[in-house]
N, C-alpha and C. Protein backbone atom coordinates (compact mmCIF):
# COMPACT_ATOMS: atom_id res chain seq x y z
N UNK A 1 44.30 30.63 10.69
CA UNK A 1 45.41 29.34 10.91
C UNK A 1 45.11 28.48 10.21
N UNK A 2 45.81 27.83 9.50
CA UNK A 2 45.68 26.78 8.55
C UNK A 2 45.91 25.21 9.04
N UNK A 3 45.45 24.38 8.65
CA UNK A 3 45.19 23.08 8.86
C UNK A 3 46.19 22.24 8.02
N UNK A 4 46.59 21.00 8.66
CA UNK A 4 47.64 20.17 8.00
C UNK A 4 47.07 18.86 7.77
N UNK A 5 47.04 18.48 6.29
CA UNK A 5 46.67 17.39 5.84
C UNK A 5 47.04 16.21 6.33
N UNK A 6 47.02 15.31 7.00
CA UNK A 6 47.80 14.64 7.84
C UNK A 6 47.85 13.42 6.87
N UNK A 7 48.83 12.27 7.15
CA UNK A 7 49.20 11.30 6.47
C UNK A 7 47.76 10.23 6.41
N UNK A 8 47.43 10.30 8.00
CA UNK A 8 46.29 9.38 8.21
C UNK A 8 45.10 9.46 7.89
N UNK A 9 44.99 11.05 7.77
CA UNK A 9 43.53 11.58 6.78
C UNK A 9 43.77 11.03 5.36
N UNK A 10 44.88 11.44 4.90
CA UNK A 10 44.79 11.11 3.05
C UNK A 10 44.56 9.32 3.12
N UNK A 11 45.44 8.62 4.18
CA UNK A 11 44.78 7.47 3.67
C UNK A 11 43.54 7.07 3.92
N UNK A 12 42.79 7.79 5.12
CA UNK A 12 41.37 7.54 5.16
C UNK A 12 41.01 7.68 3.78
N UNK A 13 41.07 9.19 3.36
CA UNK A 13 40.35 9.57 2.09
C UNK A 13 40.57 8.34 0.75
N UNK A 14 41.62 7.82 0.82
CA UNK A 14 41.72 6.96 -0.05
C UNK A 14 41.15 5.50 -0.02
N UNK A 15 40.96 4.97 1.13
CA UNK A 15 40.09 3.71 1.50
C UNK A 15 38.48 4.38 1.12
N UNK A 16 38.11 5.57 1.58
CA UNK A 16 36.82 5.89 1.12
C UNK A 16 36.71 5.78 -0.62
N UNK A 17 37.44 6.64 -1.00
CA UNK A 17 37.45 6.59 -2.47
C UNK A 17 37.28 5.27 -3.14
N UNK A 18 38.31 4.17 -2.44
CA UNK A 18 38.74 3.10 -2.89
C UNK A 18 37.09 1.89 -2.58
N UNK A 19 36.71 2.34 -1.96
CA UNK A 19 35.43 1.54 -1.36
C UNK A 19 34.06 2.29 -1.98
N UNK A 20 34.17 3.23 -3.11
CA UNK A 20 32.92 3.52 -3.54
C UNK A 20 33.12 3.66 -5.15
N UNK A 21 31.95 3.64 -5.96
CA UNK A 21 31.94 3.99 -7.05
C UNK A 21 31.56 5.24 -7.26
N UNK A 22 31.68 6.12 -8.74
CA UNK A 22 31.37 7.17 -8.81
C UNK A 22 30.67 7.44 -10.08
N UNK A 23 29.67 8.43 -10.10
CA UNK A 23 28.77 8.61 -11.08
C UNK A 23 28.75 9.98 -11.10
N UNK A 24 28.98 10.76 -12.64
CA UNK A 24 28.76 11.96 -12.79
C UNK A 24 27.51 12.00 -13.77
N UNK A 25 26.93 13.27 -13.29
CA UNK A 25 25.38 13.37 -13.87
C UNK A 25 25.53 15.09 -14.26
N UNK A 26 25.16 14.89 -15.33
CA UNK A 26 24.84 16.39 -15.83
C UNK A 26 23.17 16.85 -15.59
N UNK A 27 22.98 18.13 -15.40
CA UNK A 27 21.68 18.38 -15.28
C UNK A 27 21.71 19.67 -16.13
N UNK A 28 20.17 20.08 -16.31
CA UNK A 28 20.06 21.23 -17.05
C UNK A 28 20.65 22.88 -15.98
N UNK A 29 20.91 23.59 -16.59
CA UNK A 29 21.26 24.66 -15.73
C UNK A 29 20.06 25.20 -15.40
N UNK A 30 19.89 25.76 -13.80
CA UNK A 30 19.18 25.97 -12.86
C UNK A 30 18.42 24.95 -12.19
N UNK A 31 18.79 23.51 -12.60
CA UNK A 31 18.35 22.45 -11.85
C UNK A 31 18.90 22.19 -10.28
N UNK A 32 19.97 22.38 -10.61
CA UNK A 32 21.14 21.89 -9.40
C UNK A 32 20.71 22.73 -8.07
N UNK A 33 20.73 23.82 -8.26
CA UNK A 33 19.92 24.62 -6.48
C UNK A 33 18.59 23.78 -6.30
N UNK A 34 17.61 23.75 -6.94
CA UNK A 34 16.61 23.00 -6.93
C UNK A 34 16.54 21.59 -6.31
N UNK A 35 17.61 20.74 -6.75
CA UNK A 35 18.07 19.54 -6.27
C UNK A 35 18.45 19.68 -5.09
N UNK A 36 19.51 20.65 -4.91
CA UNK A 36 20.14 20.83 -3.57
C UNK A 36 18.99 21.17 -2.51
N UNK A 37 18.41 21.90 -2.67
CA UNK A 37 16.90 22.79 -1.96
C UNK A 37 16.34 21.34 -1.37
N UNK A 38 15.84 20.31 -2.28
CA UNK A 38 15.08 19.22 -1.95
C UNK A 38 15.96 18.35 -1.05
N UNK A 39 17.06 18.27 -1.49
CA UNK A 39 18.02 17.28 -0.62
C UNK A 39 18.05 17.71 0.74
N UNK A 40 18.56 19.03 0.73
CA UNK A 40 18.48 19.72 2.45
C UNK A 40 17.18 19.45 3.11
N UNK A 41 15.79 19.79 2.32
CA UNK A 41 14.64 19.77 2.93
C UNK A 41 14.57 18.15 3.47
N UNK A 42 15.36 17.11 2.76
CA UNK A 42 14.91 15.90 3.07
C UNK A 42 15.94 15.65 4.22
N UNK A 43 16.60 16.36 4.74
CA UNK A 43 17.65 16.02 5.71
C UNK A 43 19.03 15.14 5.14
N UNK A 44 19.06 15.26 3.82
CA UNK A 44 20.39 14.47 3.04
C UNK A 44 21.18 15.47 2.45
N UNK A 45 22.28 14.80 2.24
CA UNK A 45 23.36 15.14 1.42
C UNK A 45 22.44 14.96 -0.13
N UNK A 46 23.37 15.68 -1.08
CA UNK A 46 23.33 15.27 -2.42
C UNK A 46 23.41 14.21 -2.84
N UNK A 47 24.72 13.65 -2.49
CA UNK A 47 24.79 12.26 -2.88
C UNK A 47 23.95 10.82 -2.56
N UNK A 48 23.42 11.30 -1.10
CA UNK A 48 22.20 10.31 -0.35
C UNK A 48 21.14 10.54 -1.17
N UNK A 49 20.70 11.93 -1.38
CA UNK A 49 19.44 11.95 -2.27
C UNK A 49 19.48 11.40 -3.70
N UNK A 50 20.60 11.28 -4.28
CA UNK A 50 20.55 10.91 -5.51
C UNK A 50 20.69 9.42 -5.59
N UNK A 51 21.26 8.91 -4.82
CA UNK A 51 21.70 7.33 -4.57
C UNK A 51 20.04 6.71 -3.99
N UNK A 52 19.34 7.40 -3.25
CA UNK A 52 18.14 7.32 -2.92
C UNK A 52 17.19 7.41 -4.09
N UNK A 53 17.38 8.43 -4.90
CA UNK A 53 16.55 8.67 -6.04
C UNK A 53 16.54 7.25 -7.07
N UNK A 54 17.99 7.03 -7.38
CA UNK A 54 18.31 6.18 -8.33
C UNK A 54 17.62 4.83 -8.11
N UNK A 55 17.71 4.33 -6.67
CA UNK A 55 17.20 2.83 -6.02
C UNK A 55 16.14 2.84 -5.89
N UNK A 56 14.90 4.02 -5.55
CA UNK A 56 13.60 4.29 -5.62
C UNK A 56 13.25 4.13 -7.08
N UNK A 57 14.09 4.37 -8.04
CA UNK A 57 13.26 4.50 -9.47
C UNK A 57 13.49 3.33 -9.95
N UNK A 58 14.94 2.63 -9.46
CA UNK A 58 14.81 0.84 -10.16
C UNK A 58 13.91 0.15 -9.59
N UNK A 59 13.46 0.69 -8.34
CA UNK A 59 12.42 -0.66 -7.51
C UNK A 59 11.20 -0.23 -8.46
N UNK A 60 10.68 1.17 -8.54
CA UNK A 60 9.72 1.62 -9.22
C UNK A 60 9.73 0.87 -10.82
N UNK A 61 10.71 1.05 -11.41
CA UNK A 61 10.80 0.03 -12.82
C UNK A 61 10.40 -1.20 -12.88
N UNK A 62 11.03 -1.81 -11.59
CA UNK A 62 11.26 -3.43 -11.52
C UNK A 62 9.89 -3.89 -11.19
N UNK A 63 8.79 -2.89 -10.68
CA UNK A 63 7.83 -3.48 -10.03
C UNK A 63 7.73 -3.89 -8.37
N UNK A 64 8.93 -3.40 -7.72
CA UNK A 64 9.07 -3.61 -6.82
C UNK A 64 8.30 -2.30 -5.58
N UNK A 65 8.34 -2.61 -4.44
CA UNK A 65 7.99 -1.68 -3.38
C UNK A 65 8.78 -1.64 -2.08
N UNK A 66 9.63 -0.41 -1.84
CA UNK A 66 10.40 -0.31 -1.06
C UNK A 66 9.65 -0.82 0.36
N UNK A 67 9.95 -1.56 1.40
CA UNK A 67 8.98 -1.68 2.81
C UNK A 67 10.09 -1.05 3.70
N UNK A 68 11.32 -1.44 3.76
CA UNK A 68 11.91 -0.90 5.20
C UNK A 68 13.36 -0.96 4.71
N UNK A 69 14.31 0.05 5.51
CA UNK A 69 15.57 -0.22 5.79
C UNK A 69 16.19 -0.70 6.51
N UNK A 70 17.14 -1.46 6.65
CA UNK A 70 17.24 -2.23 7.74
C UNK A 70 18.86 -2.34 7.96
N UNK A 71 19.41 -2.22 9.23
CA UNK A 71 20.44 -2.28 9.60
C UNK A 71 21.08 -3.44 10.25
N UNK A 72 22.47 -4.16 10.04
CA UNK A 72 22.75 -5.27 11.29
C UNK A 72 24.06 -4.40 12.00
N UNK A 73 23.92 -4.28 13.15
CA UNK A 73 25.00 -3.79 14.12
C UNK A 73 26.09 -4.83 14.00
N UNK A 74 25.69 -5.92 14.22
CA UNK A 74 26.75 -6.94 14.36
C UNK A 74 27.69 -7.23 12.96
N UNK A 75 27.05 -7.11 11.73
CA UNK A 75 27.90 -7.28 10.74
C UNK A 75 28.39 -5.92 10.17
N UNK A 76 27.48 -4.54 10.55
CA UNK A 76 27.92 -3.46 10.13
C UNK A 76 27.59 -3.34 8.28
N UNK A 77 26.27 -3.87 8.14
CA UNK A 77 25.74 -4.08 6.60
C UNK A 77 24.42 -3.40 6.76
N UNK A 78 23.86 -3.02 5.95
CA UNK A 78 22.57 -2.38 5.56
C UNK A 78 21.72 -3.11 4.44
N UNK A 79 20.57 -3.31 4.66
CA UNK A 79 19.52 -3.77 3.13
C UNK A 79 18.65 -3.27 3.69
N UNK A 80 17.95 -3.69 2.35
CA UNK A 80 16.70 -2.97 2.08
C UNK A 80 15.41 -3.89 1.84
N UNK A 81 14.15 -4.19 2.49
CA UNK A 81 13.46 -5.23 2.35
C UNK A 81 12.34 -4.83 1.11
N UNK A 82 12.07 -5.56 0.13
CA UNK A 82 11.28 -5.11 -0.83
C UNK A 82 10.10 -5.87 -1.38
N UNK A 83 8.95 -5.34 -1.71
CA UNK A 83 8.21 -6.48 -1.65
C UNK A 83 7.93 -6.52 -3.41
N UNK A 84 7.91 -7.58 -3.96
CA UNK A 84 8.29 -8.22 -5.56
C UNK A 84 6.62 -8.07 -6.16
N UNK A 85 6.86 -7.68 -7.44
CA UNK A 85 5.41 -7.67 -8.15
C UNK A 85 4.49 -9.09 -7.80
N UNK A 86 5.09 -10.18 -7.44
CA UNK A 86 4.60 -11.24 -7.38
C UNK A 86 4.26 -11.64 -5.53
N UNK A 87 4.41 -10.60 -4.92
CA UNK A 87 4.07 -10.57 -3.56
C UNK A 87 5.10 -11.64 -2.82
N UNK A 88 5.98 -11.70 -3.24
CA UNK A 88 7.29 -12.19 -2.43
C UNK A 88 8.15 -10.80 -1.80
N UNK A 89 8.92 -11.10 -0.65
CA UNK A 89 9.89 -10.18 -0.01
C UNK A 89 11.05 -10.50 -0.81
N UNK A 90 11.92 -9.21 -0.87
CA UNK A 90 13.17 -9.51 -1.34
C UNK A 90 13.96 -8.74 -0.35
N UNK A 91 15.19 -9.33 -0.37
CA UNK A 91 16.46 -8.70 0.01
C UNK A 91 17.34 -7.92 -0.37
N UNK A 92 17.52 -6.72 -0.70
CA UNK A 92 18.56 -6.22 -1.73
C UNK A 92 19.72 -5.31 -0.42
N UNK A 93 20.90 -5.82 -0.88
CA UNK A 93 22.01 -5.70 0.01
C UNK A 93 23.17 -5.83 -0.83
N UNK A 94 24.40 -5.20 -0.16
CA UNK A 94 25.61 -5.07 -0.91
C UNK A 94 26.62 -6.08 -0.05
N UNK A 95 27.51 -6.57 -0.35
CA UNK A 95 28.33 -7.79 0.19
C UNK A 95 29.58 -7.44 -0.47
N UNK A 96 30.86 -7.21 -0.27
CA UNK A 96 31.95 -7.01 -0.49
C UNK A 96 32.08 -6.67 -2.08
N UNK A 97 31.17 -5.55 -2.07
CA UNK A 97 31.24 -4.56 -3.52
C UNK A 97 30.30 -5.55 -4.40
N UNK A 98 29.35 -6.14 -4.03
CA UNK A 98 28.67 -6.83 -5.22
C UNK A 98 27.31 -6.70 -4.69
N UNK A 99 26.24 -5.95 -5.35
CA UNK A 99 24.94 -6.03 -4.91
C UNK A 99 24.25 -7.38 -5.43
N UNK A 100 23.58 -7.69 -4.24
CA UNK A 100 22.45 -8.79 -4.45
C UNK A 100 20.78 -8.79 -4.29
N UNK A 101 20.18 -9.12 -4.67
CA UNK A 101 18.58 -8.91 -4.66
C UNK A 101 18.23 -10.36 -4.39
N UNK A 102 17.74 -11.03 -3.13
CA UNK A 102 17.61 -12.32 -3.01
C UNK A 102 15.93 -12.55 -2.31
N UNK A 103 15.34 -13.36 -3.59
CA UNK A 103 13.75 -13.67 -2.98
C UNK A 103 13.81 -14.14 -1.81
N UNK A 104 12.99 -13.80 -0.92
CA UNK A 104 12.69 -14.64 0.21
C UNK A 104 11.25 -15.15 0.24
N UNK A 105 10.52 -14.93 1.31
CA UNK A 105 9.17 -15.74 1.54
C UNK A 105 8.20 -14.56 0.83
N UNK A 106 6.85 -15.45 0.65
CA UNK A 106 5.81 -14.97 0.33
C UNK A 106 5.40 -13.87 1.47
N UNK A 107 4.84 -12.71 0.90
CA UNK A 107 4.18 -12.02 1.66
C UNK A 107 3.34 -12.41 2.87
N UNK A 108 2.31 -13.01 2.33
CA UNK A 108 1.25 -14.05 3.17
C UNK A 108 1.62 -14.96 4.11
N UNK A 109 2.92 -14.99 3.88
CA UNK A 109 3.67 -15.82 5.30
C UNK A 109 4.21 -15.27 6.42
N UNK A 110 4.48 -14.25 6.09
CA UNK A 110 4.98 -13.33 7.18
C UNK A 110 4.21 -12.37 7.75
N UNK A 111 3.76 -12.55 9.18
CA UNK A 111 2.71 -11.66 10.01
C UNK A 111 3.21 -10.02 9.76
N UNK A 112 2.15 -9.63 9.52
CA UNK A 112 2.41 -8.07 9.38
C UNK A 112 3.36 -7.26 10.68
N UNK A 113 3.15 -7.72 11.92
CA UNK A 113 3.48 -6.79 12.98
C UNK A 113 4.95 -7.69 13.03
N UNK A 114 5.64 -8.37 12.19
CA UNK A 114 6.81 -9.14 12.23
C UNK A 114 7.72 -8.28 11.27
N UNK A 115 7.52 -7.74 10.53
CA UNK A 115 7.65 -7.31 9.54
C UNK A 115 9.35 -6.71 9.58
N UNK A 116 9.14 -5.94 10.66
CA UNK A 116 10.61 -5.15 10.91
C UNK A 116 11.71 -6.16 11.25
N UNK A 117 11.45 -7.28 12.44
CA UNK A 117 12.39 -8.23 12.61
C UNK A 117 12.66 -8.98 11.36
N UNK A 118 11.76 -9.39 10.77
CA UNK A 118 11.92 -10.00 9.53
C UNK A 118 12.98 -9.57 8.64
N UNK A 119 12.79 -8.33 8.21
CA UNK A 119 13.81 -7.69 7.61
C UNK A 119 15.29 -7.62 8.06
N UNK A 120 15.19 -7.67 9.50
CA UNK A 120 16.66 -7.25 10.29
C UNK A 120 17.21 -8.87 10.13
N UNK A 121 16.24 -9.97 10.49
CA UNK A 121 16.62 -11.05 10.61
C UNK A 121 17.21 -11.85 9.10
N UNK A 122 16.37 -11.67 7.96
CA UNK A 122 16.55 -11.79 6.55
C UNK A 122 18.11 -11.41 5.92
N UNK A 123 18.24 -9.85 6.43
CA UNK A 123 19.48 -9.47 6.15
C UNK A 123 20.53 -10.53 6.83
N UNK A 124 20.67 -10.66 7.88
CA UNK A 124 21.64 -11.15 8.72
C UNK A 124 21.98 -12.74 8.15
N UNK A 125 20.65 -13.17 8.14
CA UNK A 125 20.86 -14.72 7.41
C UNK A 125 21.31 -14.47 6.07
N UNK A 126 21.27 -14.00 5.20
CA UNK A 126 21.63 -13.93 3.93
C UNK A 126 23.40 -13.48 4.21
N UNK A 127 23.86 -12.50 4.87
CA UNK A 127 25.09 -12.24 5.11
C UNK A 127 25.80 -13.41 5.79
N UNK A 128 25.32 -14.06 6.46
CA UNK A 128 25.96 -15.39 7.12
C UNK A 128 26.09 -16.45 6.34
N UNK A 129 25.01 -16.49 5.30
CA UNK A 129 24.75 -17.35 4.16
C UNK A 129 26.50 -17.53 3.40
N UNK A 130 26.40 -15.98 3.00
CA UNK A 130 27.74 -15.40 2.26
C UNK A 130 29.02 -15.92 2.88
N UNK A 131 29.22 -15.50 3.96
CA UNK A 131 30.45 -15.97 4.97
C UNK A 131 30.79 -17.70 5.04
N UNK A 132 29.66 -18.26 5.16
CA UNK A 132 29.86 -19.35 5.19
C UNK A 132 29.74 -20.13 3.85
N UNK A 133 29.45 -19.51 2.85
CA UNK A 133 29.53 -20.30 1.41
C UNK A 133 28.26 -20.81 0.94
N UNK A 134 26.90 -20.55 1.77
CA UNK A 134 25.73 -20.64 1.32
C UNK A 134 25.23 -20.21 0.00
N UNK A 135 24.09 -20.37 -0.48
CA UNK A 135 23.48 -20.02 -1.45
C UNK A 135 22.89 -18.50 -1.29
């Protein structure tokens, strides 16, 4: 039994395509199965794994450490709390298609038991600043 591709499905697909950027990557023959197997082992799609690998490599190259990934249900946005080479926390997030990395507090000024809440609150604060035209 065949399925029909509805107008609503086509529109949803188009919205998704328009909300993303595309990168085409070539790899040596035989490498694709190796990458796919690793992504599957990690419980990720190929796209999720490649995006994570790219972000982690950029953070490492910049001397940053990924501390935590956080999400705001209220604003439906996600961000990553990083620790920079100079021991400041940073929030990496995307708003309206623009990626921002905002320098936050010094690590010593944030109690270690508060880091998860700090990440979530910092993400929401940065988003609210964007909404209200703050810096």
